[in-house]
Amino acid sequence: MILIISDIKKDPHAIAVSKELNNREIEFINYDPINYPLSSTVSIEFKQDKLISILTSNDSEIDLSQIQCVWYRRPGEFTLPKSLHIEEADWLREECTHLFRALWSNMNTAFWISKPENIRQASLKLFQIRLAIEIGFSIPDLMVTNNVKRATSFLNSNPDGVIVKSLARSGFNTKEGGITLYTHLITKKDQEQIESVKYGPTFLQKNIPKKMEIRVTVIGKTLFAVGIHSEYSDNGKIDFRRGDIYGMPHEPIELPNEIKTKCLVLVKKLNLQFSAIDLILTPDGKYVFLEINPNGQWLWIETMTGLPLTTTLCDLLTQPIVQKL
């Protein structure tokens, strides 16, 4: 039995994988913690020398000991009673988080793409950058600081430009809607607000000239590399997500063996089964590491190039089941 943990209503990736599993007649269950605790239950019981964990959702009961494979994709946030005070809601949210982290951690016999604790650690940009340096990737000069003098010095020492990006979350919600924090090339007008650096960690990075951006999708031990020609897009030149991504030329490319190996080693060191790695190819042929997303988007890559990402992920997800048969 396969368990997919994601918001099936909002996640096209989960829809694509579910459709492929249906075509293969593989039994699976979709579960999203967004339903907990108002319309889903969790019961953990110790009896007869066993710890038994049972989930219920949509009138179905899931015995987690029967789950062989798990795809931890994009779970929603818990839905708490609106009647709670802020302090009560904060406390209850922490209790729910603690419960589910323990719940997933206890599923130690299942095959995960990928384990939540590994995804959380791999999401730490400064941690992944340290590993990338150790592996031998080329890394742009960077600084994370709330020290105004140091930030000013970094800007002055990089006359060809400095970009600023988020350290963790790439957006937040307001009453008016969601706001996305794209990678941004610092302007003279921005520098007039340099004092605002003191209010929190500011991630600065030397701007790197591009021949193309490269998205490397690693699924198990299989690697797919795609060149994205964002340099032709006015809006997407700095951050391709900001432009018309479907209007940018995409092409499957062959990476040098050295870069392939480094990508695979990084994913292995992070104890992941899936990752999306962002690189830059400079005009002089140098490959530069930007970051790794342990749970990044990939469906648009398949749409643009025809690469078999969905089937490759399903091959990996069903591998333990097929081997058992």
Protein backbone atom coordinates (compact mmCIF):
# COMPACT_ATOMS: atom_id res chain seq x y z
CA MET A 1 0.00 0.00 0.00
CA ILE A 2 1.22 3.50 -0.91
CA LEU A 3 0.42 6.64 1.08
CA ILE A 4 0.50 10.04 -0.64
CA ILE A 5 0.66 12.93 1.83
CA SER A 6 -0.46 16.07 0.03
CA ASP A 7 -3.35 18.42 -0.65
CA ILE A 8 -4.82 16.45 -3.55
CA LYS A 9 -7.22 19.27 -4.43
CA LYS A 10 -4.50 21.89 -4.91
CA ASP A 11 -1.46 19.87 -5.94
CA PRO A 12 -1.33 18.94 -9.67
CA HIS A 13 1.77 16.83 -8.99
CA ALA A 14 -0.19 14.58 -6.63
CA ILE A 15 -2.99 14.38 -9.19
CA ALA A 16 -0.54 13.30 -11.93
CA VAL A 17 1.06 10.63 -9.73
CA SER A 18 -2.34 9.36 -8.55
CA LYS A 19 -3.48 9.02 -12.17
CA GLU A 20 -0.34 7.05 -13.09
CA LEU A 21 -0.76 4.75 -10.09
CA ASN A 22 -4.38 4.15 -11.08
CA ASN A 23 -3.25 3.26 -14.60
CA ARG A 24 -0.85 0.71 -13.08
CA GLU A 25 -3.62 -0.63 -10.81
CA ILE A 26 -1.47 0.07 -7.76
CA GLU A 27 -3.38 0.55 -4.51
CA PHE A 28 -2.76 3.89 -2.79
CA ILE A 29 -4.34 6.32 -0.34
CA ASN A 30 -4.29 10.12 -0.35
CA TYR A 31 -4.11 11.82 3.03
CA ASP A 32 -3.75 15.48 3.92
CA PRO A 33 -3.19 16.72 7.51
CA ILE A 34 -5.28 19.76 6.58
CA ASN A 35 -8.27 17.64 7.62
CA TYR A 36 -6.91 17.15 11.15
CA PRO A 37 -8.35 17.44 13.74
CA LEU A 38 -11.80 18.57 12.59
CA SER A 39 -12.55 15.84 10.02
CA SER A 40 -9.77 13.33 10.58
CA THR A 41 -8.67 11.32 13.60
CA VAL A 42 -5.40 9.81 14.77
CA SER A 43 -5.24 7.03 17.35
CA ILE A 44 -2.01 5.54 18.65
CA GLU A 45 -2.23 2.59 21.01
CA PHE A 46 0.29 0.26 22.62
CA LYS A 47 -0.99 -3.27 23.11
CA GLN A 48 0.33 -6.81 22.72
CA ASP A 49 3.87 -5.44 22.55
CA LYS A 50 3.03 -3.35 19.49
CA LEU A 51 2.54 0.36 18.84
CA ILE A 52 -0.49 0.67 16.56
CA SER A 53 -1.22 3.89 14.64
CA ILE A 54 -4.57 4.39 12.93
CA LEU A 55 -5.64 7.33 10.74
CA THR A 56 -9.21 7.96 9.70
CA SER A 57 -10.19 10.26 6.85
CA ASN A 58 -13.25 10.42 4.59
CA ASP A 59 -14.80 7.43 6.38
CA SER A 60 -11.75 5.27 5.62
CA GLU A 61 -9.39 3.78 8.18
CA ILE A 62 -5.65 3.57 7.53
CA ASP A 63 -3.46 1.21 9.52
CA LEU A 64 -0.03 2.81 9.10
CA SER A 65 1.73 -0.52 9.72
CA GLN A 66 0.36 -1.67 6.34
CA ILE A 67 1.94 1.23 4.44
CA GLN A 68 4.98 0.14 2.42
CA CYS A 69 5.80 3.40 0.60
CA VAL A 70 5.15 7.06 1.34
CA TRP A 71 5.40 10.09 -0.92
CA TYR A 72 5.64 13.14 1.33
CA ARG A 73 4.69 15.89 -1.10
CA ARG A 74 2.93 19.10 0.02
CA PRO A 75 0.75 18.55 3.12
CA GLY A 76 -1.63 21.32 4.11
CA GLU A 77 -1.74 23.02 7.50
CA PHE A 78 -3.96 21.75 10.29
CA THR A 79 -7.51 23.12 10.37
CA LEU A 80 -8.14 24.27 13.95
CA PRO A 81 -11.43 25.39 15.52
CA LYS A 82 -12.06 29.08 14.80
CA SER A 83 -13.42 29.52 18.32
CA LEU A 84 -9.92 29.20 19.83
CA HIS A 85 -8.03 32.20 21.17
CA ILE A 86 -4.68 32.91 19.47
CA GLU A 87 -2.72 31.48 22.39
CA GLU A 88 -4.85 28.33 22.45
CA ALA A 89 -4.49 27.88 18.69
CA ASP A 90 -0.71 28.29 18.87
CA TRP A 91 -0.50 25.68 21.61
CA LEU A 92 -2.79 23.22 19.80
CA ARG A 93 -0.89 23.67 16.51
CA GLU A 94 2.34 22.73 18.27
CA GLU A 95 0.66 19.67 19.79
CA CYS A 96 -0.61 18.59 16.36
CA THR A 97 2.81 19.16 14.81
CA HIS A 98 4.47 17.09 17.53
CA LEU A 99 1.96 14.27 17.02
CA PHE A 100 2.41 14.05 13.25
CA ARG A 101 6.19 14.26 13.39
CA ALA A 102 6.15 11.33 15.79
CA LEU A 103 3.58 9.52 13.65
CA TRP A 104 5.72 9.75 10.50
CA SER A 105 8.96 9.00 12.36
CA ASN A 106 7.49 5.75 13.70
CA MET A 107 6.88 4.51 10.15
CA ASN A 108 10.49 3.39 9.98
CA THR A 109 9.86 0.28 7.89
CA ALA A 110 8.25 2.21 5.02
CA PHE A 111 10.15 3.57 2.01
CA TRP A 112 9.90 7.39 1.93
CA ILE A 113 10.19 9.97 -0.85
CA SER A 114 11.50 11.61 1.28
CA LYS A 115 11.46 11.48 5.10
CA PRO A 116 10.00 14.72 6.55
CA GLU A 117 12.92 15.26 8.94
CA ASN A 118 15.37 14.98 6.03
CA ILE A 119 13.32 17.42 3.96
CA ARG A 120 13.32 19.91 6.85
CA GLN A 121 17.08 19.73 7.29
CA ALA A 122 17.78 19.87 3.56
CA SER A 123 15.62 23.00 3.32
CA LEU A 124 18.13 24.93 5.44
CA LYS A 125 19.89 26.96 2.74
CA LEU A 126 23.05 27.58 4.71
CA PHE A 127 23.31 23.89 5.60
CA GLN A 128 22.92 22.77 1.98
CA ILE A 129 25.42 25.42 0.85
CA ARG A 130 28.00 24.12 3.34
CA LEU A 131 27.59 20.61 1.95
CA ALA A 132 27.76 21.89 -1.63
CA ILE A 133 31.06 23.64 -0.82
CA GLU A 134 32.46 20.44 0.72
CA ILE A 135 31.47 18.46 -2.39
CA GLY A 136 33.28 20.98 -4.60
CA PHE A 137 30.50 22.96 -6.27
CA SER A 138 31.26 26.50 -7.41
CA ILE A 139 29.29 28.84 -5.11
CA PRO A 140 28.67 32.60 -5.57
CA ASP A 141 30.02 34.92 -2.89
CA LEU A 142 27.25 35.45 -0.36
CA MET A 143 26.41 36.95 3.00
CA VAL A 144 23.53 36.50 5.45
CA THR A 145 23.46 39.32 7.98
CA ASN A 146 21.47 41.90 9.87
CA ASN A 147 24.61 44.04 10.28
CA VAL A 148 24.15 47.19 8.18
CA LYS A 149 27.88 47.94 7.90
CA ARG A 150 28.69 44.43 6.70
CA ALA A 151 25.82 44.45 4.20
CA THR A 152 26.98 47.83 2.85
CA SER A 153 30.53 46.52 2.49
CA PHE A 154 29.27 43.45 0.59
CA LEU A 155 27.29 45.64 -1.82
CA ASN A 156 30.28 47.91 -2.41
CA SER A 157 32.60 44.95 -3.06
CA ASN A 158 30.33 43.58 -5.82
CA PRO A 159 29.96 46.37 -8.40
CA ASP A 160 28.44 43.97 -10.98
CA GLY A 161 25.38 43.55 -8.79
CA VAL A 162 23.98 41.78 -5.74
CA ILE A 163 20.76 39.83 -5.47
CA VAL A 164 18.64 39.42 -2.35
CA LYS A 165 16.41 36.44 -1.65
CA SER A 166 14.52 34.82 1.18
CA LEU A 167 16.29 32.50 3.57
CA ALA A 168 13.34 30.20 4.23
CA ARG A 169 9.80 30.86 3.03
CA SER A 170 9.40 32.43 -0.40
CA GLY A 171 6.12 34.11 0.43
CA PHE A 172 3.37 34.81 2.92
CA ASN A 173 -0.36 35.47 3.03
CA THR A 174 -2.16 38.72 3.76
CA LYS A 175 -5.84 39.63 3.93
CA GLU A 176 -5.57 40.76 0.30
CA GLY A 177 -3.96 37.50 -0.87
CA GLY A 178 -0.63 35.74 -1.21
CA ILE A 179 2.67 37.56 -1.71
CA THR A 180 5.66 35.86 -3.37
CA LEU A 181 9.18 36.97 -2.51
CA TYR A 182 11.17 36.55 -5.72
CA THR A 183 14.94 36.75 -6.01
CA HIS A 184 15.61 40.43 -6.70
CA LEU A 185 18.54 42.40 -8.10
CA ILE A 186 19.24 45.23 -5.65
CA THR A 187 18.76 48.70 -7.16
CA LYS A 188 20.02 52.13 -6.09
CA LYS A 189 16.55 52.81 -4.68
CA ASP A 190 16.80 49.61 -2.61
CA GLN A 191 20.14 50.75 -1.23
CA GLU A 192 18.45 53.84 0.18
CA GLN A 193 16.63 51.40 2.51
CA ILE A 194 19.83 49.67 3.65
CA GLU A 195 19.07 50.43 7.31
CA SER A 196 16.16 47.95 7.14
CA VAL A 197 18.74 45.14 7.06
CA LYS A 198 18.98 45.39 10.86
CA TYR A 199 15.44 44.06 11.30
CA GLY A 200 16.27 40.48 10.34
CA PRO A 201 18.50 38.07 8.40
CA THR A 202 19.15 39.39 4.90
CA PHE A 203 20.42 36.90 2.31
CA LEU A 204 22.73 38.66 -0.16
CA GLN A 205 24.46 36.93 -3.06
CA LYS A 206 26.76 38.08 -5.83
CA ASN A 207 24.89 38.34 -9.13
CA ILE A 208 26.16 35.75 -11.61
CA PRO A 209 25.95 36.27 -15.40
CA LYS A 210 23.92 33.56 -17.16
CA LYS A 211 24.15 31.67 -20.37
CA MET A 212 21.20 29.67 -19.06
CA GLU A 213 19.63 28.43 -15.86
CA ILE A 214 19.64 24.69 -15.27
CA ARG A 215 17.06 22.72 -13.35
CA VAL A 216 18.33 19.32 -12.25
CA THR A 217 15.64 16.91 -11.07
CA VAL A 218 16.94 13.90 -9.16
CA ILE A 219 14.56 10.97 -8.58
CA GLY A 220 16.26 8.14 -6.74
CA LYS A 221 19.49 7.65 -8.68
CA THR A 222 18.08 9.02 -11.95
CA LEU A 223 19.01 12.56 -12.99
CA PHE A 224 17.26 14.85 -15.49
CA ALA A 225 18.87 18.17 -16.45
CA VAL A 226 17.01 20.90 -18.33
CA GLY A 227 18.36 24.22 -19.56
CA ILE A 228 15.95 27.13 -19.11
CA HIS A 229 16.66 30.17 -21.27
CA SER A 230 15.38 32.78 -18.84
CA GLU A 231 18.01 35.24 -20.09
CA TYR A 232 15.61 36.16 -22.91
CA SER A 233 12.87 37.16 -20.46
CA ASP A 234 12.78 40.71 -19.11
CA ASN A 235 10.80 39.67 -16.02
CA GLY A 236 12.43 36.28 -15.52
CA LYS A 237 16.04 37.24 -16.11
CA ILE A 238 16.92 37.23 -12.39
CA ASP A 239 14.30 34.73 -11.17
CA PHE A 240 12.69 32.61 -13.89
CA ARG A 241 9.59 32.10 -11.72
CA ARG A 242 8.79 35.78 -12.21
CA GLY A 243 8.49 35.54 -16.00
CA ASP A 244 6.26 33.59 -18.37
CA ILE A 245 7.88 30.25 -17.69
CA TYR A 246 5.96 28.52 -20.48
CA GLY A 247 7.25 31.15 -22.89
CA MET A 248 10.90 30.38 -22.06
CA PRO A 249 12.73 27.80 -24.20
CA HIS A 250 13.44 24.59 -22.27
CA GLU A 251 15.84 21.92 -23.49
CA PRO A 252 17.02 18.63 -21.97
CA ILE A 253 20.81 18.84 -21.65
CA GLU A 254 23.68 16.52 -20.82
CA LEU A 255 25.70 17.68 -17.83
CA PRO A 256 29.42 16.95 -17.49
CA ASN A 257 29.97 13.75 -15.50
CA GLU A 258 31.68 15.74 -12.74
CA ILE A 259 28.59 17.93 -12.22
CA LYS A 260 26.24 14.94 -12.41
CA THR A 261 28.25 13.17 -9.73
CA LYS A 262 28.24 16.23 -7.47
CA CYS A 263 24.44 16.54 -7.78
CA LEU A 264 23.90 12.87 -6.92
CA VAL A 265 26.36 13.01 -4.02
CA LEU A 266 24.63 16.10 -2.58
CA VAL A 267 21.22 14.42 -2.71
CA LYS A 268 22.66 11.31 -1.05
CA LYS A 269 24.38 13.34 1.69
CA LEU A 270 21.05 15.00 2.42
CA ASN A 271 19.37 11.56 2.71
CA LEU A 272 16.78 12.42 0.07
CA GLN A 273 15.07 10.37 -2.63
CA PHE A 274 13.99 13.43 -4.62
CA SER A 275 15.42 16.90 -5.18
CA ALA A 276 15.30 19.84 -7.57
CA ILE A 277 18.66 21.57 -7.93
CA ASP A 278 19.13 25.02 -9.42
CA LEU A 279 22.38 25.76 -11.26
CA ILE A 280 23.61 28.53 -13.52
CA LEU A 281 25.75 28.01 -16.59
CA THR A 282 27.85 31.14 -17.08
CA PRO A 283 28.83 32.52 -20.51
CA ASP A 284 32.36 31.15 -19.98
CA GLY A 285 31.05 27.60 -19.36
CA LYS A 286 31.20 27.46 -15.56
CA TYR A 287 28.51 25.61 -13.57
CA VAL A 288 27.46 27.48 -10.42
CA PHE A 289 25.33 26.01 -7.63
CA LEU A 290 22.46 28.17 -6.33
CA GLU A 291 20.33 25.93 -4.14
CA ILE A 292 18.54 22.61 -3.76
CA ASN A 293 14.83 22.24 -3.11
CA PRO A 294 14.09 18.88 -1.47
CA ASN A 295 10.43 19.03 -2.50
CA GLY A 296 10.45 21.29 -5.55
CA GLN A 297 8.10 21.58 -8.50
CA TRP A 298 8.71 19.39 -11.57
CA LEU A 299 5.46 18.94 -13.48
CA TRP A 300 6.06 22.00 -15.68
CA ILE A 301 9.42 20.51 -16.69
CA GLU A 302 7.64 17.38 -17.92
CA THR A 303 5.06 19.47 -19.76
CA MET A 304 7.72 21.57 -21.50
CA THR A 305 10.14 18.78 -22.40
CA GLY A 306 8.28 15.46 -22.36
CA LEU A 307 10.78 14.00 -19.89
CA PRO A 308 9.22 11.01 -18.03
CA LEU A 309 9.31 12.49 -14.53
CA THR A 310 5.92 11.19 -13.38
CA THR A 311 6.62 7.63 -14.50
CA THR A 312 10.14 7.72 -13.01
CA LEU A 313 8.78 8.87 -9.64
CA CYS A 314 6.10 6.16 -9.75
CA ASP A 315 8.74 3.57 -10.66
CA LEU A 316 10.68 4.57 -7.53
CA LEU A 317 7.56 4.72 -5.38
CA THR A 318 6.37 1.24 -6.41
CA GLN A 319 9.80 -0.40 -6.45
CA PRO A 320 9.55 -1.91 -2.92
CA ILE A 321 6.08 -3.30 -3.75
CA VAL A 322 7.19 -4.83 -7.06
CA GLN A 323 10.26 -6.37 -5.42
CA LYS A 324 8.10 -7.92 -2.70
CA LEU A 325 5.83 -9.45 -5.34
